[in-house]
């Protein structure tokens, strides 16, 4: 069961797409992610971008914790249905669902600028080109959190982003960077 951990929508259950389409971030990892964000750049009042959004749990957690907006970018139909249902369940203002591939979304003119970005792509996706395309979309001092497989290589940050830290949660590792 995936649920909102804290904030205004605390405890609300979220739907997860059925099948192998997504790999939901565990409650423990999400709790750790938001604890880390407290020290790197709070989500309260932030504009959030959730790429490869899956169920939308990360962006919805941010909205619950005070983000002013969250943009959910996802192209899988089952995941899009789950996101839309979860946005309705959480019922917080500022949610925007964008039904397209993250790479296509990032190829457009960067407007608006985001304070926090979450990337949780399939582990076989080369995330470095996506991160490079993301840089112009980020506000100064924006924070980026990327989930990757723990057994995978260390994340290589492209120009415009610097590594801050990483935290391991079983089979997943969360990598944190910031715009420089």
N, C-alpha and C. Protein backbone atom coordinates (compact mmCIF):
# COMPACT_ATOMS: atom_id res chain seq x y z
N UNK A 1 0.84 -1.18 0.00
CA UNK A 1 0.00 0.00 0.00
C UNK A 1 0.89 1.25 0.00
N UNK A 2 0.61 2.15 -0.91
CA UNK A 2 1.31 3.43 -0.97
C UNK A 2 0.37 4.48 -0.40
N UNK A 3 0.92 5.37 0.41
CA UNK A 3 0.10 6.40 1.04
C UNK A 3 0.89 7.68 1.17
N UNK A 4 0.20 8.79 1.41
CA UNK A 4 0.85 10.07 1.69
C UNK A 4 1.34 9.99 3.13
N UNK A 5 2.60 10.34 3.36
CA UNK A 5 3.23 10.16 4.68
C UNK A 5 2.96 11.33 5.62
N UNK A 6 3.01 12.56 5.12
CA UNK A 6 2.91 13.72 6.01
C UNK A 6 2.17 14.86 5.31
N UNK A 7 1.83 15.86 6.10
CA UNK A 7 1.21 17.06 5.56
C UNK A 7 -0.30 17.00 5.54
N UNK A 8 -0.87 17.87 4.75
CA UNK A 8 -2.31 18.06 4.71
C UNK A 8 -3.08 16.80 4.29
N UNK A 9 -2.50 15.99 3.42
CA UNK A 9 -3.18 14.77 2.93
C UNK A 9 -2.66 13.50 3.60
N UNK A 10 -2.00 13.65 4.72
CA UNK A 10 -1.38 12.52 5.42
C UNK A 10 -2.36 11.34 5.58
N UNK A 11 -1.84 10.15 5.25
CA UNK A 11 -2.61 8.93 5.42
C UNK A 11 -3.47 8.53 4.24
N UNK A 12 -3.66 9.41 3.27
CA UNK A 12 -4.50 9.05 2.13
C UNK A 12 -3.80 7.99 1.28
N UNK A 13 -4.55 6.99 0.93
CA UNK A 13 -4.00 5.88 0.13
C UNK A 13 -3.96 6.26 -1.34
N UNK A 14 -2.90 5.81 -2.00
CA UNK A 14 -2.71 6.10 -3.42
C UNK A 14 -2.78 4.81 -4.23
N UNK A 15 -3.34 4.91 -5.42
CA UNK A 15 -3.35 3.78 -6.35
C UNK A 15 -1.99 3.68 -7.02
N UNK A 16 -1.60 2.46 -7.31
CA UNK A 16 -0.36 2.20 -8.04
C UNK A 16 -0.74 1.47 -9.32
N UNK A 17 -0.17 1.87 -10.46
CA UNK A 17 -0.50 1.16 -11.71
C UNK A 17 -0.22 -0.33 -11.59
N UNK A 18 -1.11 -1.12 -12.14
CA UNK A 18 -0.97 -2.58 -12.09
C UNK A 18 0.01 -3.04 -13.16
N UNK A 19 0.81 -4.05 -12.83
CA UNK A 19 1.76 -4.61 -13.78
C UNK A 19 3.17 -4.15 -13.51
N UNK A 20 4.03 -4.31 -14.51
CA UNK A 20 5.45 -3.98 -14.38
C UNK A 20 5.78 -2.59 -14.88
N UNK A 21 4.77 -1.75 -15.04
CA UNK A 21 4.96 -0.43 -15.62
C UNK A 21 5.76 0.48 -14.70
N UNK A 22 5.50 0.42 -13.41
CA UNK A 22 6.16 1.31 -12.47
C UNK A 22 6.79 0.54 -11.33
N UNK A 23 7.62 1.23 -10.60
CA UNK A 23 8.30 0.69 -9.43
C UNK A 23 8.14 1.75 -8.34
N UNK A 24 7.06 1.67 -7.56
CA UNK A 24 6.79 2.73 -6.60
C UNK A 24 7.93 2.91 -5.58
N UNK A 25 8.23 4.16 -5.27
CA UNK A 25 9.20 4.47 -4.24
C UNK A 25 8.59 4.09 -2.90
N UNK A 26 9.32 3.32 -2.11
CA UNK A 26 8.79 2.85 -0.83
C UNK A 26 8.50 4.02 0.11
N UNK A 27 7.60 3.78 1.07
CA UNK A 27 7.30 4.81 2.07
C UNK A 27 8.58 5.22 2.81
N UNK A 28 9.41 4.25 3.14
CA UNK A 28 10.66 4.53 3.86
C UNK A 28 11.58 5.43 3.03
N UNK A 29 11.71 5.13 1.74
CA UNK A 29 12.56 5.95 0.87
C UNK A 29 11.97 7.35 0.69
N UNK A 30 10.64 7.44 0.53
CA UNK A 30 10.00 8.76 0.41
C UNK A 30 10.19 9.58 1.67
N UNK A 31 10.06 8.94 2.82
CA UNK A 31 10.27 9.65 4.08
C UNK A 31 11.71 10.17 4.15
N UNK A 32 12.67 9.33 3.77
CA UNK A 32 14.07 9.75 3.74
C UNK A 32 14.32 10.86 2.73
N UNK A 33 13.68 10.76 1.58
CA UNK A 33 13.83 11.78 0.54
C UNK A 33 13.38 13.14 1.07
N UNK A 34 12.22 13.19 1.68
CA UNK A 34 11.71 14.47 2.16
C UNK A 34 12.48 14.99 3.37
N UNK A 35 13.05 14.10 4.16
CA UNK A 35 13.93 14.54 5.25
C UNK A 35 15.18 15.18 4.67
N UNK A 36 15.74 14.58 3.63
CA UNK A 36 16.92 15.15 2.98
C UNK A 36 16.60 16.49 2.34
N UNK A 37 15.42 16.59 1.74
CA UNK A 37 15.04 17.85 1.10
C UNK A 37 14.95 18.99 2.12
N UNK A 38 14.60 18.67 3.37
CA UNK A 38 14.53 19.69 4.41
C UNK A 38 15.86 20.43 4.53
N UNK A 39 16.96 19.70 4.41
CA UNK A 39 18.28 20.33 4.56
C UNK A 39 18.82 20.90 3.25
N UNK A 40 18.32 20.42 2.12
CA UNK A 40 18.83 20.89 0.83
C UNK A 40 17.99 22.02 0.24
N UNK A 41 16.74 22.08 0.57
CA UNK A 41 15.83 23.08 0.01
C UNK A 41 14.41 22.63 0.23
N UNK A 42 13.72 23.23 1.14
CA UNK A 42 12.40 22.79 1.55
C UNK A 42 11.40 22.81 0.40
N UNK A 43 10.41 21.92 0.45
CA UNK A 43 9.38 21.88 -0.59
C UNK A 43 8.25 22.87 -0.30
N UNK A 44 8.18 23.40 0.91
CA UNK A 44 7.12 24.35 1.25
C UNK A 44 7.24 25.58 0.34
N UNK A 45 6.21 25.85 -0.45
CA UNK A 45 6.20 26.97 -1.38
C UNK A 45 6.91 26.69 -2.69
N UNK A 46 7.38 25.49 -2.90
CA UNK A 46 8.17 25.15 -4.10
C UNK A 46 7.28 24.78 -5.28
N UNK A 47 7.85 24.96 -6.47
CA UNK A 47 7.27 24.45 -7.71
C UNK A 47 8.01 23.14 -7.99
N UNK A 48 7.26 22.05 -8.13
CA UNK A 48 7.84 20.70 -8.20
C UNK A 48 7.57 20.09 -9.57
N UNK A 49 8.58 19.41 -10.09
CA UNK A 49 8.46 18.65 -11.34
C UNK A 49 8.70 17.19 -11.03
N UNK A 50 7.75 16.33 -11.38
CA UNK A 50 7.84 14.89 -11.13
C UNK A 50 7.89 14.19 -12.49
N UNK A 51 9.12 13.90 -12.95
CA UNK A 51 9.32 13.22 -14.24
C UNK A 51 9.28 11.71 -14.05
N UNK A 52 8.75 11.00 -15.04
CA UNK A 52 8.54 9.55 -14.93
C UNK A 52 7.69 9.32 -13.68
N UNK A 53 6.58 10.02 -13.58
CA UNK A 53 5.82 10.17 -12.34
C UNK A 53 5.20 8.89 -11.79
N UNK A 54 4.96 7.87 -12.63
CA UNK A 54 4.39 6.62 -12.10
C UNK A 54 3.03 6.86 -11.48
N UNK A 55 2.91 6.67 -10.17
CA UNK A 55 1.65 6.90 -9.46
C UNK A 55 1.48 8.36 -9.06
N UNK A 56 2.54 9.15 -9.16
CA UNK A 56 2.50 10.54 -8.74
C UNK A 56 2.78 10.73 -7.26
N UNK A 57 3.19 9.67 -6.57
CA UNK A 57 3.37 9.73 -5.11
C UNK A 57 4.35 10.80 -4.67
N UNK A 58 5.44 11.00 -5.40
CA UNK A 58 6.43 11.99 -4.97
C UNK A 58 5.89 13.41 -5.08
N UNK A 59 5.31 13.75 -6.21
CA UNK A 59 4.74 15.09 -6.37
C UNK A 59 3.56 15.34 -5.46
N UNK A 60 2.74 14.31 -5.22
CA UNK A 60 1.60 14.47 -4.32
C UNK A 60 2.07 14.64 -2.88
N UNK A 61 3.11 13.93 -2.51
CA UNK A 61 3.70 14.11 -1.17
C UNK A 61 4.19 15.54 -1.01
N UNK A 62 4.82 16.07 -2.06
CA UNK A 62 5.30 17.46 -2.02
C UNK A 62 4.13 18.44 -1.87
N UNK A 63 3.05 18.22 -2.62
CA UNK A 63 1.87 19.09 -2.48
C UNK A 63 1.32 19.01 -1.06
N UNK A 64 1.26 17.81 -0.51
CA UNK A 64 0.75 17.64 0.85
C UNK A 64 1.61 18.39 1.87
N UNK A 65 2.90 18.52 1.56
CA UNK A 65 3.84 19.19 2.47
C UNK A 65 4.00 20.68 2.16
N UNK A 66 3.17 21.23 1.29
CA UNK A 66 3.16 22.67 1.09
C UNK A 66 3.69 23.20 -0.23
N UNK A 67 4.05 22.33 -1.18
CA UNK A 67 4.46 22.82 -2.50
C UNK A 67 3.28 23.55 -3.14
N UNK A 68 3.57 24.62 -3.89
CA UNK A 68 2.49 25.39 -4.52
C UNK A 68 1.99 24.73 -5.80
N UNK A 69 2.85 23.94 -6.44
CA UNK A 69 2.42 23.23 -7.64
C UNK A 69 3.29 22.00 -7.84
N UNK A 70 2.72 21.04 -8.57
CA UNK A 70 3.45 19.84 -8.96
C UNK A 70 3.00 19.47 -10.37
N UNK A 71 3.98 19.33 -11.25
CA UNK A 71 3.73 18.91 -12.62
C UNK A 71 4.16 17.46 -12.75
N UNK A 72 3.24 16.61 -13.16
CA UNK A 72 3.47 15.17 -13.28
C UNK A 72 3.62 14.82 -14.75
N UNK A 73 4.79 14.36 -15.15
CA UNK A 73 5.04 14.00 -16.55
C UNK A 73 5.17 12.48 -16.64
N UNK A 74 4.28 11.89 -17.42
CA UNK A 74 4.22 10.43 -17.55
C UNK A 74 3.59 10.10 -18.90
N UNK A 75 4.04 9.00 -19.53
CA UNK A 75 3.46 8.64 -20.82
C UNK A 75 2.72 7.31 -20.82
N UNK A 76 2.82 6.52 -19.77
CA UNK A 76 2.15 5.23 -19.73
C UNK A 76 0.67 5.42 -19.38
N UNK A 77 -0.24 4.86 -20.19
CA UNK A 77 -1.67 5.06 -19.94
C UNK A 77 -2.14 4.58 -18.56
N UNK A 78 -1.68 3.42 -18.10
CA UNK A 78 -2.09 2.92 -16.78
C UNK A 78 -1.58 3.84 -15.67
N UNK A 79 -0.36 4.31 -15.81
CA UNK A 79 0.19 5.23 -14.82
C UNK A 79 -0.56 6.56 -14.84
N UNK A 80 -0.89 7.04 -16.02
CA UNK A 80 -1.65 8.30 -16.12
C UNK A 80 -3.01 8.18 -15.43
N UNK A 81 -3.68 7.04 -15.61
CA UNK A 81 -4.96 6.83 -14.92
C UNK A 81 -4.77 6.85 -13.41
N UNK A 82 -3.71 6.19 -12.92
CA UNK A 82 -3.43 6.18 -11.48
C UNK A 82 -3.14 7.59 -10.98
N UNK A 83 -2.34 8.35 -11.72
CA UNK A 83 -2.02 9.72 -11.30
C UNK A 83 -3.30 10.55 -11.21
N UNK A 84 -4.11 10.49 -12.23
CA UNK A 84 -5.35 11.28 -12.23
C UNK A 84 -6.27 10.89 -11.06
N UNK A 85 -6.38 9.59 -10.80
CA UNK A 85 -7.19 9.13 -9.66
C UNK A 85 -6.58 9.63 -8.35
N UNK A 86 -5.24 9.57 -8.23
CA UNK A 86 -4.57 9.99 -7.00
C UNK A 86 -4.67 11.50 -6.79
N UNK A 87 -4.59 12.26 -7.86
CA UNK A 87 -4.77 13.72 -7.76
C UNK A 87 -6.17 14.01 -7.22
N UNK A 88 -7.18 13.28 -7.72
CA UNK A 88 -8.56 13.48 -7.24
C UNK A 88 -8.69 13.04 -5.78
N UNK A 89 -8.04 11.95 -5.40
CA UNK A 89 -8.11 11.46 -4.02
C UNK A 89 -7.48 12.45 -3.05
N UNK A 90 -6.31 12.96 -3.40
CA UNK A 90 -5.60 13.88 -2.51
C UNK A 90 -6.30 15.23 -2.47
N UNK A 91 -6.86 15.65 -3.61
CA UNK A 91 -7.68 16.85 -3.71
C UNK A 91 -6.97 18.11 -3.18
N UNK A 92 -5.74 18.31 -3.64
CA UNK A 92 -4.99 19.52 -3.29
C UNK A 92 -4.79 20.35 -4.55
N UNK A 93 -4.83 21.67 -4.45
CA UNK A 93 -4.62 22.50 -5.65
C UNK A 93 -3.18 22.44 -6.13
N UNK A 94 -3.00 22.76 -7.40
CA UNK A 94 -1.65 22.89 -7.96
C UNK A 94 -1.13 21.71 -8.72
N UNK A 95 -1.93 20.65 -8.90
CA UNK A 95 -1.49 19.45 -9.63
C UNK A 95 -1.77 19.62 -11.12
N UNK A 96 -0.76 19.34 -11.95
CA UNK A 96 -0.88 19.42 -13.41
C UNK A 96 -0.33 18.14 -14.00
N UNK A 97 -1.15 17.40 -14.72
CA UNK A 97 -0.73 16.14 -15.32
C UNK A 97 -0.42 16.38 -16.79
N UNK A 98 0.78 15.97 -17.21
CA UNK A 98 1.23 16.15 -18.60
C UNK A 98 1.45 14.75 -19.19
N UNK A 99 0.59 14.33 -20.12
CA UNK A 99 0.70 12.99 -20.70
C UNK A 99 1.69 12.93 -21.86
N UNK A 100 2.96 12.83 -21.55
CA UNK A 100 3.98 12.71 -22.59
C UNK A 100 5.28 12.16 -22.01
N UNK A 101 6.17 11.75 -22.89
CA UNK A 101 7.49 11.29 -22.47
C UNK A 101 8.27 12.44 -21.86
N UNK A 102 9.05 12.14 -20.84
CA UNK A 102 9.84 13.16 -20.16
C UNK A 102 10.78 13.87 -21.13
N UNK A 103 11.38 13.11 -22.04
CA UNK A 103 12.32 13.69 -22.98
C UNK A 103 11.64 14.69 -23.93
N UNK A 104 10.41 14.40 -24.34
CA UNK A 104 9.65 15.30 -25.20
C UNK A 104 9.28 16.56 -24.42
N UNK A 105 8.82 16.39 -23.20
CA UNK A 105 8.48 17.53 -22.35
C UNK A 105 9.68 18.46 -22.18
N UNK A 106 10.84 17.90 -21.90
CA UNK A 106 12.04 18.70 -21.65
C UNK A 106 12.60 19.34 -22.92
N UNK A 107 12.20 18.87 -24.09
CA UNK A 107 12.67 19.46 -25.35
C UNK A 107 11.97 20.78 -25.66
N UNK A 108 10.87 21.07 -24.98
CA UNK A 108 10.13 22.33 -25.20
C UNK A 108 10.85 23.49 -24.51
N UNK A 109 10.38 24.69 -24.75
CA UNK A 109 10.95 25.87 -24.09
C UNK A 109 10.72 25.77 -22.59
N UNK A 110 11.77 25.99 -21.80
CA UNK A 110 11.66 25.80 -20.35
C UNK A 110 10.88 26.91 -19.65
N UNK A 111 9.63 26.63 -19.42
CA UNK A 111 8.78 27.58 -18.70
C UNK A 111 7.73 26.77 -17.97
N UNK A 112 7.53 26.83 -16.72
CA UNK A 112 8.21 27.70 -15.75
C UNK A 112 9.50 27.06 -15.24
N UNK A 113 10.12 27.68 -14.28
CA UNK A 113 11.31 27.13 -13.63
C UNK A 113 10.86 26.39 -12.37
N UNK A 114 11.50 25.26 -12.10
CA UNK A 114 11.12 24.42 -10.96
C UNK A 114 12.18 24.50 -9.86
N UNK A 115 11.70 24.44 -8.62
CA UNK A 115 12.58 24.49 -7.44
C UNK A 115 13.04 23.10 -7.03
N UNK A 116 12.22 22.09 -7.30
CA UNK A 116 12.52 20.71 -6.94
C UNK A 116 12.11 19.84 -8.12
N UNK A 117 12.96 18.87 -8.47
CA UNK A 117 12.63 17.92 -9.53
C UNK A 117 12.90 16.51 -9.03
N UNK A 118 11.94 15.62 -9.30
CA UNK A 118 12.07 14.20 -8.98
C UNK A 118 12.17 13.44 -10.29
N UNK A 119 13.11 12.50 -10.36
CA UNK A 119 13.23 11.61 -11.51
C UNK A 119 13.29 10.19 -11.00
N UNK A 120 12.34 9.38 -11.42
CA UNK A 120 12.31 7.97 -11.03
C UNK A 120 12.05 7.13 -12.28
N UNK A 121 13.00 7.17 -13.24
CA UNK A 121 12.79 6.43 -14.49
C UNK A 121 13.07 4.94 -14.29
N UNK A 122 12.66 4.13 -15.26
CA UNK A 122 13.08 2.72 -15.22
C UNK A 122 14.61 2.67 -15.10
N UNK A 123 15.10 1.67 -14.39
CA UNK A 123 16.55 1.60 -14.13
C UNK A 123 17.38 1.47 -15.40
N UNK A 124 16.78 0.98 -16.51
CA UNK A 124 17.56 0.83 -17.74
C UNK A 124 17.62 2.12 -18.57
N UNK A 125 16.94 3.17 -18.16
CA UNK A 125 16.99 4.46 -18.87
C UNK A 125 18.28 5.19 -18.52
N UNK A 126 18.98 5.68 -19.55
CA UNK A 126 20.17 6.50 -19.33
C UNK A 126 19.69 7.88 -18.87
N UNK A 127 19.86 8.16 -17.60
CA UNK A 127 19.29 9.36 -17.01
C UNK A 127 20.14 10.61 -17.25
N UNK A 128 21.40 10.47 -17.63
CA UNK A 128 22.27 11.63 -17.79
C UNK A 128 21.77 12.59 -18.87
N UNK A 129 21.37 12.13 -20.06
CA UNK A 129 20.82 13.07 -21.04
C UNK A 129 19.53 13.75 -20.56
N UNK A 130 18.73 13.04 -19.80
CA UNK A 130 17.50 13.62 -19.25
C UNK A 130 17.87 14.72 -18.26
N UNK A 131 18.85 14.46 -17.40
CA UNK A 131 19.30 15.48 -16.44
C UNK A 131 19.87 16.70 -17.17
N UNK A 132 20.62 16.47 -18.23
CA UNK A 132 21.19 17.59 -18.99
C UNK A 132 20.07 18.45 -19.59
N UNK A 133 19.01 17.81 -20.11
CA UNK A 133 17.88 18.55 -20.68
C UNK A 133 17.07 19.25 -19.59
N UNK A 134 17.14 18.75 -18.37
CA UNK A 134 16.40 19.33 -17.25
C UNK A 134 17.01 20.65 -16.75
N UNK A 135 18.30 20.80 -16.86
CA UNK A 135 18.99 21.96 -16.27
C UNK A 135 18.33 23.30 -16.60
N UNK A 136 17.99 23.61 -17.86
CA UNK A 136 17.37 24.91 -18.15
C UNK A 136 16.00 25.12 -17.49
N UNK A 137 15.37 24.04 -17.08
CA UNK A 137 14.05 24.11 -16.45
C UNK A 137 14.14 24.43 -14.96
N UNK A 138 15.34 24.42 -14.41
CA UNK A 138 15.51 24.56 -12.97
C UNK A 138 15.78 26.00 -12.54
N UNK A 139 15.19 26.38 -11.43
CA UNK A 139 15.46 27.68 -10.82
C UNK A 139 16.88 27.63 -10.22
N UNK A 140 17.49 28.80 -9.99
CA UNK A 140 18.79 28.80 -9.30
C UNK A 140 18.66 28.07 -7.96
N UNK A 141 19.64 27.29 -7.63
CA UNK A 141 19.68 26.52 -6.37
C UNK A 141 18.60 25.44 -6.28
N UNK A 142 18.01 25.05 -7.38
CA UNK A 142 17.01 23.98 -7.37
C UNK A 142 17.67 22.67 -6.93
N UNK A 143 16.84 21.79 -6.38
CA UNK A 143 17.29 20.49 -5.92
C UNK A 143 16.69 19.42 -6.82
N UNK A 144 17.50 18.41 -7.16
CA UNK A 144 17.07 17.29 -7.99
C UNK A 144 17.29 16.01 -7.21
N UNK A 145 16.29 15.13 -7.19
CA UNK A 145 16.40 13.82 -6.56
C UNK A 145 16.14 12.76 -7.62
N UNK A 146 17.08 11.82 -7.75
CA UNK A 146 17.00 10.78 -8.77
C UNK A 146 17.04 9.42 -8.09
N UNK A 147 16.07 8.55 -8.39
CA UNK A 147 16.10 7.19 -7.87
C UNK A 147 16.71 6.26 -8.92
N UNK A 148 17.71 5.48 -8.48
CA UNK A 148 18.38 4.51 -9.35
C UNK A 148 18.54 3.20 -8.58
N UNK A 149 18.84 2.14 -9.29
CA UNK A 149 19.09 0.85 -8.66
C UNK A 149 20.39 0.89 -7.87
N UNK A 150 20.38 0.33 -6.68
CA UNK A 150 21.56 0.32 -5.82
C UNK A 150 22.72 -0.41 -6.48
N UNK A 151 22.43 -1.42 -7.26
CA UNK A 151 23.50 -2.20 -7.90
C UNK A 151 24.07 -1.54 -9.15
N UNK A 152 23.48 -0.43 -9.56
CA UNK A 152 23.94 0.29 -10.75
C UNK A 152 25.16 1.14 -10.44
N UNK A 153 25.71 1.77 -11.48
CA UNK A 153 26.89 2.62 -11.29
C UNK A 153 26.54 3.93 -10.57
N UNK A 154 27.56 4.57 -10.07
CA UNK A 154 27.37 5.89 -9.45
C UNK A 154 26.81 6.84 -10.50
N UNK A 155 25.93 7.72 -10.07
CA UNK A 155 25.31 8.66 -10.99
C UNK A 155 26.32 9.72 -11.43
N UNK A 156 26.40 9.93 -12.74
CA UNK A 156 27.27 10.98 -13.30
C UNK A 156 26.40 12.20 -13.55
N UNK A 157 26.68 13.29 -12.86
CA UNK A 157 25.89 14.51 -13.01
C UNK A 157 26.41 15.33 -14.19
N UNK A 158 25.53 15.82 -15.05
CA UNK A 158 25.97 16.63 -16.20
C UNK A 158 26.34 18.05 -15.76
N UNK A 159 26.93 18.81 -16.68
CA UNK A 159 27.24 20.21 -16.41
C UNK A 159 25.96 20.93 -16.01
N UNK A 160 26.09 21.82 -15.04
CA UNK A 160 24.95 22.58 -14.55
C UNK A 160 24.35 22.00 -13.28
N UNK A 161 24.72 20.77 -12.94
CA UNK A 161 24.26 20.13 -11.70
C UNK A 161 25.46 19.61 -10.94
N UNK A 162 25.41 19.74 -9.61
CA UNK A 162 26.50 19.19 -8.79
C UNK A 162 25.91 18.17 -7.81
N UNK A 163 26.68 17.15 -7.53
CA UNK A 163 26.27 16.12 -6.58
C UNK A 163 26.24 16.69 -5.18
N UNK A 164 25.24 16.30 -4.42
CA UNK A 164 25.13 16.70 -3.02
C UNK A 164 25.34 15.52 -2.09
N UNK A 165 24.60 14.43 -2.33
CA UNK A 165 24.69 13.24 -1.47
C UNK A 165 23.91 12.11 -2.10
N UNK A 166 24.01 10.95 -1.52
CA UNK A 166 23.17 9.82 -1.91
C UNK A 166 22.80 9.05 -0.65
N UNK A 167 21.67 8.37 -0.72
CA UNK A 167 21.18 7.56 0.39
C UNK A 167 20.62 6.26 -0.19
N UNK A 168 20.99 5.15 0.43
CA UNK A 168 20.56 3.85 -0.03
C UNK A 168 19.36 3.36 0.78
N UNK A 169 18.38 2.81 0.07
CA UNK A 169 17.19 2.22 0.69
C UNK A 169 16.96 0.86 0.05
N UNK A 170 17.65 -0.15 0.51
CA UNK A 170 17.53 -1.49 -0.05
C UNK A 170 18.00 -1.52 -1.49
N UNK A 171 17.12 -1.88 -2.40
CA UNK A 171 17.44 -2.01 -3.82
C UNK A 171 17.47 -0.67 -4.55
N UNK A 172 17.06 0.40 -3.88
CA UNK A 172 17.03 1.73 -4.50
C UNK A 172 18.01 2.67 -3.80
N UNK A 173 18.63 3.52 -4.59
CA UNK A 173 19.48 4.59 -4.04
C UNK A 173 18.93 5.92 -4.56
N UNK A 174 18.80 6.86 -3.66
CA UNK A 174 18.38 8.21 -4.02
C UNK A 174 19.63 9.09 -4.10
N UNK A 175 19.79 9.73 -5.26
CA UNK A 175 20.91 10.63 -5.51
C UNK A 175 20.36 12.06 -5.51
N UNK A 176 21.05 12.95 -4.81
CA UNK A 176 20.62 14.34 -4.70
C UNK A 176 21.66 15.24 -5.36
N UNK A 177 21.16 16.17 -6.14
CA UNK A 177 22.03 17.17 -6.77
C UNK A 177 21.37 18.53 -6.69
N UNK A 178 22.13 19.55 -7.02
CA UNK A 178 21.57 20.90 -7.04
C UNK A 178 22.11 21.65 -8.25
N UNK A 179 21.36 22.64 -8.66
CA UNK A 179 21.78 23.45 -9.81
C UNK A 179 22.94 24.34 -9.36
N UNK A 180 23.94 24.41 -10.20
CA UNK A 180 25.09 25.26 -9.87
C UNK A 180 25.29 26.33 -10.92
